[in-house]
PDB file of N, CA and C in Angstrom:
ATOM      1  N   THR A   1      -0.783 -21.177   9.961  1.00  0.00           N
ATOM      2  CA  THR A   1      -1.949 -21.172  10.835  1.00  0.00           C
ATOM      3  C   THR A   1      -1.802 -20.074  11.875  1.00  0.00           C
ATOM      4  N   GLY A   2      -2.844 -19.755  12.574  1.00  0.00           N
ATOM      5  CA  GLY A   2      -2.846 -18.627  13.501  1.00  0.00           C
ATOM      6  C   GLY A   2      -2.228 -18.953  14.840  1.00  0.00           C
ATOM      7  N   LEU A   3      -0.930 -18.801  14.935  1.00  0.00           N
ATOM      8  CA  LEU A   3      -0.233 -19.002  16.199  1.00  0.00           C
ATOM      9  C   LEU A   3       0.078 -17.651  16.826  1.00  0.00           C
ATOM     10  N   VAL A   4       0.095 -17.623  18.150  1.00  0.00           N
ATOM     11  CA  VAL A   4       0.339 -16.385  18.889  1.00  0.00           C
ATOM     12  C   VAL A   4       1.704 -16.463  19.558  1.00  0.00           C
ATOM     13  N   ALA A   5       2.574 -15.520  19.235  1.00  0.00           N
ATOM     14  CA  ALA A   5       3.910 -15.474  19.839  1.00  0.00           C
ATOM     15  C   ALA A   5       3.879 -14.675  21.137  1.00  0.00           C
ATOM     16  N   THR A   6       4.717 -15.087  22.064  1.00  0.00           N
ATOM     17  CA  THR A   6       4.912 -14.343  23.306  1.00  0.00           C
ATOM     18  C   THR A   6       6.355 -13.858  23.322  1.00  0.00           C
ATOM     19  N   PHE A   7       6.544 -12.577  23.575  1.00  0.00           N
ATOM     20  CA  PHE A   7       7.891 -12.015  23.560  1.00  0.00           C
ATOM     21  C   PHE A   7       8.025 -10.931  24.611  1.00  0.00           C
ATOM     22  N   THR A   8       9.262 -10.649  24.975  1.00  0.00           N
ATOM     23  CA  THR A   8       9.590  -9.608  25.943  1.00  0.00           C
ATOM     24  C   THR A   8      10.439  -8.561  25.241  1.00  0.00           C
ATOM     25  N   THR A   9      10.180  -7.295  25.508  1.00  0.00           N
ATOM     26  CA  THR A   9      10.957  -6.219  24.894  1.00  0.00           C
ATOM     27  C   THR A   9      11.570  -5.335  25.977  1.00  0.00           C
ATOM     28  N   SER A  10      12.516  -4.522  25.560  1.00  0.00           N
ATOM     29  CA  SER A  10      13.108  -3.551  26.478  1.00  0.00           C
ATOM     30  C   SER A  10      12.299  -2.257  26.414  1.00  0.00           C
ATOM     31  N   PRO A  11      12.439  -1.385  27.407  1.00  0.00           N
ATOM     32  CA  PRO A  11      11.654  -0.144  27.449  1.00  0.00           C
ATOM     33  C   PRO A  11      11.891   0.796  26.266  1.00  0.00           C
ATOM     34  N   ASP A  12      13.018   0.654  25.558  1.00  0.00           N
ATOM     35  CA  ASP A  12      13.297   1.568  24.448  1.00  0.00           C
ATOM     36  C   ASP A  12      12.665   1.129  23.125  1.00  0.00           C
ATOM     37  N   ILE A  13      11.916   0.038  23.125  1.00  0.00           N
ATOM     38  CA  ILE A  13      11.218  -0.415  21.918  1.00  0.00           C
ATOM     39  C   ILE A  13       9.873   0.299  21.835  1.00  0.00           C
ATOM     40  N   THR A  14       9.611   0.934  20.683  1.00  0.00           N
ATOM     41  CA  THR A  14       8.355   1.673  20.525  1.00  0.00           C
ATOM     42  C   THR A  14       7.299   0.890  19.772  1.00  0.00           C
ATOM     43  N   SER A  15       7.709  -0.022  18.875  1.00  0.00           N
ATOM     44  CA  SER A  15       6.717  -0.832  18.175  1.00  0.00           C
ATOM     45  C   SER A  15       7.337  -2.091  17.603  1.00  0.00           C
ATOM     46  N   ILE A  16       6.486  -3.099  17.468  1.00  0.00           N
ATOM     47  CA  ILE A  16       6.848  -4.344  16.800  1.00  0.00           C
ATOM     48  C   ILE A  16       5.736  -4.619  15.805  1.00  0.00           C
ATOM     49  N   LYS A  17       6.110  -4.819  14.539  1.00  0.00           N
ATOM     50  CA  LYS A  17       5.119  -5.036  13.491  1.00  0.00           C
ATOM     51  C   LYS A  17       5.488  -6.233  12.631  1.00  0.00           C
ATOM     52  N   VAL A  18       4.471  -6.853  12.061  1.00  0.00           N
ATOM     53  CA  VAL A  18       4.618  -7.798  10.961  1.00  0.00           C
ATOM     54  C   VAL A  18       3.868  -7.145   9.815  1.00  0.00           C
ATOM     55  N   GLY A  19       4.606  -6.720   8.804  1.00  0.00           N
ATOM     56  CA  GLY A  19       3.990  -5.905   7.752  1.00  0.00           C
ATOM     57  C   GLY A  19       3.539  -4.600   8.377  1.00  0.00           C
ATOM     58  N   GLU A  20       2.269  -4.274   8.223  1.00  0.00           N
ATOM     59  CA  GLU A  20       1.716  -3.057   8.830  1.00  0.00           C
ATOM     60  C   GLU A  20       0.970  -3.340  10.131  1.00  0.00           C
ATOM     61  N   ASP A  21       0.931  -4.610  10.540  1.00  0.00           N
ATOM     62  CA  ASP A  21       0.159  -5.010  11.718  1.00  0.00           C
ATOM     63  C   ASP A  21       1.001  -4.945  12.988  1.00  0.00           C
ATOM     64  N   VAL A  22       0.589  -4.092  13.927  1.00  0.00           N
ATOM     65  CA  VAL A  22       1.266  -3.984  15.222  1.00  0.00           C
ATOM     66  C   VAL A  22       1.068  -5.296  15.975  1.00  0.00           C
ATOM     67  N   GLN A  23       2.149  -5.775  16.579  1.00  0.00           N
ATOM     68  CA  GLN A  23       2.126  -7.036  17.307  1.00  0.00           C
ATOM     69  C   GLN A  23       2.036  -6.789  18.806  1.00  0.00           C
ATOM     70  N   VAL A  24       1.192  -7.568  19.473  1.00  0.00           N
ATOM     71  CA  VAL A  24       1.054  -7.500  20.922  1.00  0.00           C
ATOM     72  C   VAL A  24       1.384  -8.888  21.464  1.00  0.00           C
ATOM     73  N   SER A  25       2.371  -8.960  22.341  1.00  0.00           N
ATOM     74  CA  SER A  25       2.799 -10.236  22.903  1.00  0.00           C
ATOM     75  C   SER A  25       1.628 -10.975  23.538  1.00  0.00           C
ATOM     76  N   GLY A  26       1.483 -12.241  23.183  1.00  0.00           N
ATOM     77  CA  GLY A  26       0.438 -13.075  23.753  1.00  0.00           C
ATOM     78  C   GLY A  26      -0.942 -12.827  23.190  1.00  0.00           C
ATOM     79  N   GLU A  27      -1.085 -11.916  22.204  1.00  0.00           N
ATOM     80  CA  GLU A  27      -2.407 -11.585  21.664  1.00  0.00           C
ATOM     81  C   GLU A  27      -2.516 -11.690  20.147  1.00  0.00           C
ATOM     82  N   THR A  28      -1.503 -11.207  19.412  1.00  0.00           N
ATOM     83  CA  THR A  28      -1.604 -11.109  17.961  1.00  0.00           C
ATOM     84  C   THR A  28      -1.248 -12.441  17.306  1.00  0.00           C
ATOM     85  N   ALA A  29      -2.161 -12.966  16.490  1.00  0.00           N
ATOM     86  CA  ALA A  29      -1.931 -14.225  15.781  1.00  0.00           C
ATOM     87  C   ALA A  29      -1.315 -13.956  14.415  1.00  0.00           C
ATOM     88  N   ASN A  30      -0.397 -14.847  14.003  1.00  0.00           N
ATOM     89  CA  ASN A  30       0.234 -14.774  12.690  1.00  0.00           C
ATOM     90  C   ASN A  30       0.237 -16.156  12.055  1.00  0.00           C
ATOM     91  N   ASP A  31       0.288 -16.176  10.729  1.00  0.00           N
ATOM     92  CA  ASP A  31       0.353 -17.420   9.971  1.00  0.00           C
ATOM     93  C   ASP A  31       1.819 -17.800   9.797  1.00  0.00           C
ATOM     94  N   PHE A  32       2.270 -18.798  10.544  1.00  0.00           N
ATOM     95  CA  PHE A  32       3.665 -19.220  10.500  1.00  0.00           C
ATOM     96  C   PHE A  32       3.905 -20.356   9.508  1.00  0.00           C
ATOM     97  N   SER A  33       2.959 -20.592   8.576  1.00  0.00           N
ATOM     98  CA  SER A  33       3.179 -21.627   7.564  1.00  0.00           C
ATOM     99  C   SER A  33       4.205 -21.168   6.531  1.00  0.00           C
ATOM    100  N   SER A  34       4.508 -19.867   6.525  1.00  0.00           N
ATOM    101  CA  SER A  34       5.608 -19.315   5.729  1.00  0.00           C
ATOM    102  C   SER A  34       6.375 -18.362   6.642  1.00  0.00           C
ATOM    103  N   PRO A  35       7.595 -17.965   6.261  1.00  0.00           N
ATOM    104  CA  PRO A  35       8.394 -17.105   7.152  1.00  0.00           C
ATOM    105  C   PRO A  35       7.682 -15.804   7.549  1.00  0.00           C
ATOM    106  N   VAL A  36       7.839 -15.437   8.807  1.00  0.00           N
ATOM    107  CA  VAL A  36       7.270 -14.203   9.352  1.00  0.00           C
ATOM    108  C   VAL A  36       8.431 -13.324   9.812  1.00  0.00           C
ATOM    109  N   THR A  37       8.449 -12.071   9.356  1.00  0.00           N
ATOM    110  CA  THR A  37       9.501 -11.132   9.745  1.00  0.00           C
ATOM    111  C   THR A  37       8.923 -10.082  10.676  1.00  0.00           C
ATOM    112  N   TYR A  38       9.542  -9.942  11.837  1.00  0.00           N
ATOM    113  CA  TYR A  38       9.143  -8.926  12.805  1.00  0.00           C
ATOM    114  C   TYR A  38      10.017  -7.694  12.606  1.00  0.00           C
ATOM    115  N   ASP A  39       9.389  -6.532  12.444  1.00  0.00           N
ATOM    116  CA  ASP A  39      10.100  -5.258  12.359  1.00  0.00           C
ATOM    117  C   ASP A  39      10.033  -4.603  13.733  1.00  0.00           C
ATOM    118  N   VAL A  40      11.188  -4.412  14.357  1.00  0.00           N
ATOM    119  CA  VAL A  40      11.270  -3.862  15.709  1.00  0.00           C
ATOM    120  C   VAL A  40      11.844  -2.457  15.619  1.00  0.00           C
ATOM    121  N   THR A  41      11.096  -1.475  16.150  1.00  0.00           N
ATOM    122  CA  THR A  41      11.511  -0.074  16.085  1.00  0.00           C
ATOM    123  C   THR A  41      11.811   0.447  17.486  1.00  0.00           C
ATOM    124  N   ALA A  42      12.965   1.114  17.614  1.00  0.00           N
ATOM    125  CA  ALA A  42      13.397   1.694  18.889  1.00  0.00           C
ATOM    126  C   ALA A  42      13.014   3.168  18.957  1.00  0.00           C
ATOM    127  N   GLN A  43      13.146   3.752  20.147  1.00  0.00           N
ATOM    128  CA  GLN A  43      12.807   5.163  20.361  1.00  0.00           C
ATOM    129  C   GLN A  43      13.580   6.097  19.445  1.00  0.00           C
ATOM    130  N   ASP A  44      14.813   5.729  19.080  1.00  0.00           N
ATOM    131  CA  ASP A  44      15.615   6.600  18.214  1.00  0.00           C
ATOM    132  C   ASP A  44      15.247   6.469  16.738  1.00  0.00           C
ATOM    133  N   GLY A  45      14.237   5.639  16.444  1.00  0.00           N
ATOM    134  CA  GLY A  45      13.767   5.474  15.071  1.00  0.00           C
ATOM    135  C   GLY A  45      14.451   4.363  14.303  1.00  0.00           C
ATOM    136  N   SER A  46      15.485   3.767  14.882  1.00  0.00           N
ATOM    137  CA  SER A  46      16.161   2.669  14.197  1.00  0.00           C
ATOM    138  C   SER A  46      15.262   1.438  14.179  1.00  0.00           C
ATOM    139  N   THR A  47      15.369   0.670  13.101  1.00  0.00           N
ATOM    140  CA  THR A  47      14.536  -0.515  12.924  1.00  0.00           C
ATOM    141  C   THR A  47      15.412  -1.707  12.586  1.00  0.00           C
ATOM    142  N   THR A  48      15.048  -2.857  13.146  1.00  0.00           N
ATOM    143  CA  THR A  48      15.719  -4.102  12.802  1.00  0.00           C
ATOM    144  C   THR A  48      14.668  -5.129  12.429  1.00  0.00           C
ATOM    145  N   LYS A  49      15.026  -6.053  11.572  1.00  0.00           N
ATOM    146  CA  LYS A  49      14.125  -7.127  11.166  1.00  0.00           C
ATOM    147  C   LYS A  49      14.590  -8.415  11.813  1.00  0.00           C
ATOM    148  N   ASN A  50      13.651  -9.125  12.431  1.00  0.00           N
ATOM    149  CA  ASN A  50      13.960 -10.397  13.088  1.00  0.00           C
ATOM    150  C   ASN A  50      13.008 -11.463  12.614  1.00  0.00           C
TER     151      ASN A  50
END
C-alpha cells in the first residue's frame, strides 16, 4: 500500500531512488506490501542499497 517514509540524509548524498523513482522524505509513497530497496548515491558516485 502507499506508505510514505521519512528519512534524514547527510549533505554528501545526491539522490535516493526506488527503481527509477527519486524519493523525497515525507512525500514519496511506496508499496511496502513487498520488499522495497532504496538506492542511495553519494557525491563521489558510489551507491549503496538499503
